[in-house]
Amino acid sequence: MRRLRWLTLVWPGLPQLWFAGSWTGLALAVGFAAVLNLAIVTSRLWTELLSPESQMLVWLAAGGIWTASAALSARWVAGLRLSGPQAADEDLFNAAQNEYLKGNWYEAEVALNRLLERNILDVEARLMLASLLRRTGRRDEATTQLARLSRTDGVERWQLEIARLKQRIADDALAPTRSVSEAEEESEPANDSPVAVDRSNNTSEAIQQAA
């Protein structure tokens, strides 16, 4: 993972897009691709489209974007926390978990987003956020979070819970006329909550509690 985060610097916007799913990163990556393609096309294929001076300006623009992005992204990547949860995060995580189990979705989401701002590689926080989004009917956002989670180091021990959550999202999509809560009452045990976890003792075992 440490080597991978530095390899992402080769393309502008890729670090932010890959690790954080940032729309800004996506826009930068697409914009750089457009400028680079324009430079290649006008200097190698359709050279009559632009004057030599304009072609040079396009290449300079591409080089400037790459250089500036590499410098800024290097600082951003250097600040990534690749270690596990820190002691300072535990109170906030426990608060998010308690709100989740009470069904206080807004309060839980705020706490989980704060955790992910501190450490975007917090596997348990992102898994709980994906489950929360699914329970509030935001299936596309939940799927996006699971896709990011699949690229996170340390996710291997949560494969069963991730697969179960993906299946529930798929089941929800097949029954759009029912609310998530109604579907769960029919198909899920009342004590099945795969994302309420106890990590105070560095354990990955799920706590089976009602959500």
Protein backbone atom coordinates (compact mmCIF):
# COMPACT_ATOMS: atom_id res chain seq x y z
CA MET A 1 0.00 0.00 0.00
CA ARG A 2 2.82 2.42 0.77
CA ARG A 3 4.36 1.86 -2.66
CA LEU A 4 0.98 2.09 -4.36
CA ARG A 5 0.19 5.50 -2.91
CA TRP A 6 3.35 6.97 -4.46
CA LEU A 7 2.75 5.27 -7.81
CA THR A 8 -0.55 7.12 -8.09
CA LEU A 9 1.39 10.37 -8.50
CA VAL A 10 2.09 9.49 -12.14
CA TRP A 11 -1.35 10.80 -13.18
CA PRO A 12 -2.82 14.09 -11.94
CA GLY A 13 -5.81 13.63 -9.64
CA LEU A 14 -5.34 9.87 -9.33
CA PRO A 15 -4.28 9.84 -5.63
CA GLN A 16 -7.36 11.80 -4.55
CA LEU A 17 -9.62 9.78 -6.82
CA TRP A 18 -8.20 6.38 -5.86
CA PHE A 19 -7.95 6.80 -2.09
CA ALA A 20 -10.69 9.34 -1.37
CA GLY A 21 -13.06 9.08 -4.32
CA SER A 22 -12.77 12.84 -4.75
CA TRP A 23 -14.77 14.52 -7.53
CA THR A 24 -12.01 17.10 -7.71
CA GLY A 25 -9.53 14.32 -8.37
CA LEU A 26 -11.76 12.95 -11.11
CA ALA A 27 -12.10 16.37 -12.75
CA LEU A 28 -8.34 16.90 -12.65
CA ALA A 29 -7.63 13.45 -14.10
CA VAL A 30 -10.12 13.95 -16.94
CA GLY A 31 -8.91 17.49 -17.62
CA PHE A 32 -5.29 16.42 -17.84
CA ALA A 33 -6.24 13.56 -20.17
CA ALA A 34 -8.04 16.03 -22.45
CA VAL A 35 -5.08 18.42 -22.58
CA LEU A 36 -2.59 15.61 -23.16
CA ASN A 37 -4.71 14.10 -25.93
CA LEU A 38 -5.01 17.51 -27.57
CA ALA A 39 -1.25 17.92 -27.46
CA ILE A 40 -0.63 14.49 -29.00
CA VAL A 41 -3.29 14.83 -31.70
CA THR A 42 -2.29 18.31 -32.83
CA SER A 43 1.44 17.57 -32.89
CA ARG A 44 1.38 14.04 -34.31
CA LEU A 45 -1.81 13.47 -36.28
CA TRP A 46 -3.57 16.66 -37.38
CA THR A 47 -0.72 19.11 -37.28
CA GLU A 48 -2.64 21.63 -39.40
CA LEU A 49 -5.15 22.28 -36.60
CA LEU A 50 -2.79 24.44 -34.57
CA SER A 51 0.27 26.52 -35.31
CA PRO A 52 3.63 25.32 -33.95
CA GLU A 53 3.47 28.03 -31.30
CA SER A 54 0.01 26.91 -30.17
CA GLN A 55 1.14 23.30 -30.09
CA MET A 56 4.01 24.28 -27.83
CA LEU A 57 1.62 26.12 -25.52
CA VAL A 58 -0.57 23.04 -25.25
CA TRP A 59 2.45 20.89 -24.34
CA LEU A 60 3.53 23.48 -21.79
CA ALA A 61 0.04 23.46 -20.30
CA ALA A 62 0.12 19.67 -20.00
CA GLY A 63 3.54 19.79 -18.38
CA GLY A 64 2.48 22.55 -16.01
CA ILE A 65 -0.62 20.66 -14.92
CA TRP A 66 1.40 17.50 -14.30
CA THR A 67 4.13 19.29 -12.34
CA ALA A 68 1.74 21.28 -10.15
CA SER A 69 -0.44 18.26 -9.52
CA ALA A 70 2.52 16.04 -8.64
CA ALA A 71 3.79 18.59 -6.11
CA LEU A 72 0.41 19.11 -4.44
CA SER A 73 -0.51 15.42 -4.52
CA ALA A 74 2.84 14.45 -3.00
CA ARG A 75 2.06 16.60 0.03
CA TRP A 76 -1.44 15.14 0.22
CA VAL A 77 -0.19 11.55 -0.09
CA ALA A 78 2.51 12.14 2.52
CA GLY A 79 -0.22 13.03 4.99
CA LEU A 80 -2.19 9.82 4.46
CA ARG A 81 -2.48 7.72 7.55
CA LEU A 82 -1.81 4.12 6.62
CA SER A 83 -1.83 2.79 10.15
CA GLY A 84 -4.84 1.39 11.92
CA PRO A 85 -7.25 3.32 14.10
CA GLN A 86 -5.65 5.60 16.67
CA ALA A 87 -6.61 5.86 20.32
CA ALA A 88 -7.97 9.35 19.72
CA ASP A 89 -10.46 7.95 17.20
CA GLU A 90 -12.07 5.40 19.50
CA ASP A 91 -14.45 7.72 21.33
CA LEU A 92 -15.74 9.08 18.03
CA PHE A 93 -16.06 5.59 16.56
CA ASN A 94 -17.96 4.34 19.61
CA ALA A 95 -20.25 7.37 19.41
CA ALA A 96 -20.92 6.67 15.73
CA GLN A 97 -21.63 3.03 16.50
CA ASN A 98 -24.05 3.89 19.30
CA GLU A 99 -25.96 6.32 17.08
CA TYR A 100 -26.03 3.72 14.31
CA LEU A 101 -27.48 1.05 16.56
CA LYS A 102 -30.13 3.51 17.78
CA GLY A 103 -31.11 4.34 14.20
CA ASN A 104 -29.94 7.94 14.50
CA TRP A 105 -28.65 7.98 10.94
CA TYR A 106 -27.74 11.65 10.63
CA GLU A 107 -25.68 11.75 13.84
CA ALA A 108 -23.96 8.48 12.93
CA GLU A 109 -23.14 9.70 9.42
CA VAL A 110 -21.63 12.94 10.71
CA ALA A 111 -19.40 11.03 13.12
CA LEU A 112 -18.33 8.51 10.48
CA ASN A 113 -17.46 11.25 7.99
CA ARG A 114 -15.33 12.93 10.65
CA LEU A 115 -13.51 9.65 11.22
CA LEU A 116 -12.86 9.24 7.50
CA GLU A 117 -11.57 12.81 7.28
CA ARG A 118 -9.00 11.88 9.91
CA ASN A 119 -8.12 8.59 8.26
CA ILE A 120 -9.59 7.73 4.85
CA LEU A 121 -8.26 4.18 5.24
CA ASP A 122 -10.41 3.44 8.30
CA VAL A 123 -11.95 0.16 7.13
CA GLU A 124 -14.51 -0.26 9.91
CA ALA A 125 -15.78 3.32 9.64
CA ARG A 126 -16.23 3.07 5.88
CA LEU A 127 -18.00 -0.29 6.17
CA MET A 128 -20.40 1.13 8.73
CA LEU A 129 -20.98 4.18 6.51
CA ALA A 130 -21.80 1.94 3.55
CA SER A 131 -24.32 0.03 5.66
CA LEU A 132 -25.84 3.29 6.90
CA LEU A 133 -26.22 4.61 3.36
CA ARG A 134 -27.89 1.40 2.30
CA ARG A 135 -30.29 1.50 5.26
CA THR A 136 -31.31 5.06 4.37
CA GLY A 137 -32.06 4.07 0.78
CA ARG A 138 -28.93 5.59 -0.81
CA ARG A 139 -27.86 2.46 -2.64
CA ASP A 140 -25.62 4.15 -5.21
CA GLU A 141 -23.65 5.93 -2.50
CA ALA A 142 -23.38 2.70 -0.52
CA THR A 143 -22.04 0.90 -3.60
CA THR A 144 -19.49 3.67 -4.13
CA GLN A 145 -18.27 3.32 -0.55
CA LEU A 146 -17.92 -0.44 -0.96
CA ALA A 147 -15.90 0.09 -4.14
CA ARG A 148 -13.53 2.39 -2.26
CA LEU A 149 -13.40 -0.12 0.57
CA SER A 150 -12.28 -2.88 -1.80
CA ARG A 151 -9.15 -0.82 -2.54
CA THR A 152 -8.27 -0.32 1.12
CA ASP A 153 -5.48 -2.20 2.83
CA GLY A 154 -6.72 -4.48 5.64
CA VAL A 155 -10.15 -5.10 4.13
CA GLU A 156 -9.54 -8.84 3.76
CA ARG A 157 -10.98 -9.75 7.16
CA TRP A 158 -14.27 -8.08 6.29
CA GLN A 159 -14.93 -9.87 3.00
CA LEU A 160 -17.90 -11.82 4.38
CA GLU A 161 -19.62 -8.68 5.69
CA ILE A 162 -18.91 -6.82 2.44
CA ALA A 163 -20.35 -9.64 0.35
CA ARG A 164 -23.43 -9.77 2.57
CA LEU A 165 -23.94 -6.02 2.29
CA LYS A 166 -23.58 -6.13 -1.51
CA GLN A 167 -26.22 -8.84 -1.64
CA ARG A 168 -28.60 -6.79 0.49
CA ILE A 169 -28.12 -3.79 -1.80
CA ALA A 170 -28.93 -6.01 -4.77
CA ASP A 171 -32.02 -7.35 -2.98
CA ASP A 172 -33.16 -3.80 -2.21
CA ALA A 173 -32.87 -2.89 -5.88
CA LEU A 174 -35.23 -5.75 -6.77
CA ALA A 175 -37.90 -4.48 -4.37
CA PRO A 176 -38.00 -0.71 -4.93
CA THR A 177 -41.56 -0.35 -3.67
CA ARG A 178 -40.61 -1.46 -0.19
CA SER A 179 -38.57 0.56 2.26
CA VAL A 180 -35.27 -0.84 3.47
CA SER A 181 -36.70 -1.34 6.95
CA GLU A 182 -39.65 -3.34 5.60
CA ALA A 183 -37.36 -5.52 3.50
CA GLU A 184 -35.09 -6.17 6.48
CA GLU A 185 -38.00 -7.19 8.67
CA GLU A 186 -38.91 -9.85 6.12
CA SER A 187 -35.45 -11.12 5.17
CA GLU A 188 -32.97 -10.36 7.98
CA PRO A 189 -32.74 -11.57 11.55
CA ALA A 190 -33.42 -8.79 14.02
CA ASN A 191 -30.00 -9.25 15.64
CA ASP A 192 -27.93 -9.21 12.46
CA SER A 193 -25.73 -6.13 12.23
CA PRO A 194 -22.41 -6.88 10.49
CA VAL A 195 -20.82 -3.50 11.00
CA ALA A 196 -21.09 -2.88 14.70
CA VAL A 197 -17.57 -3.84 15.72
CA ASP A 198 -15.40 -3.85 18.79
CA ARG A 199 -11.98 -2.58 17.82
CA SER A 200 -10.92 -1.40 21.25
CA ASN A 201 -9.04 -4.69 21.59
CA ASN A 202 -7.98 -4.76 17.92
CA THR A 203 -10.50 -7.45 17.09
CA SER A 204 -12.36 -7.77 13.81
CA GLU A 205 -15.22 -9.86 15.13
CA ALA A 206 -18.68 -8.44 14.54
CA ILE A 207 -20.94 -7.69 17.47
CA GLN A 208 -24.36 -9.11 16.79
CA GLN A 209 -26.73 -6.36 17.91
CA ALA A 210 -29.97 -4.97 16.64
CA ALA A 211 -29.53 -1.97 14.33
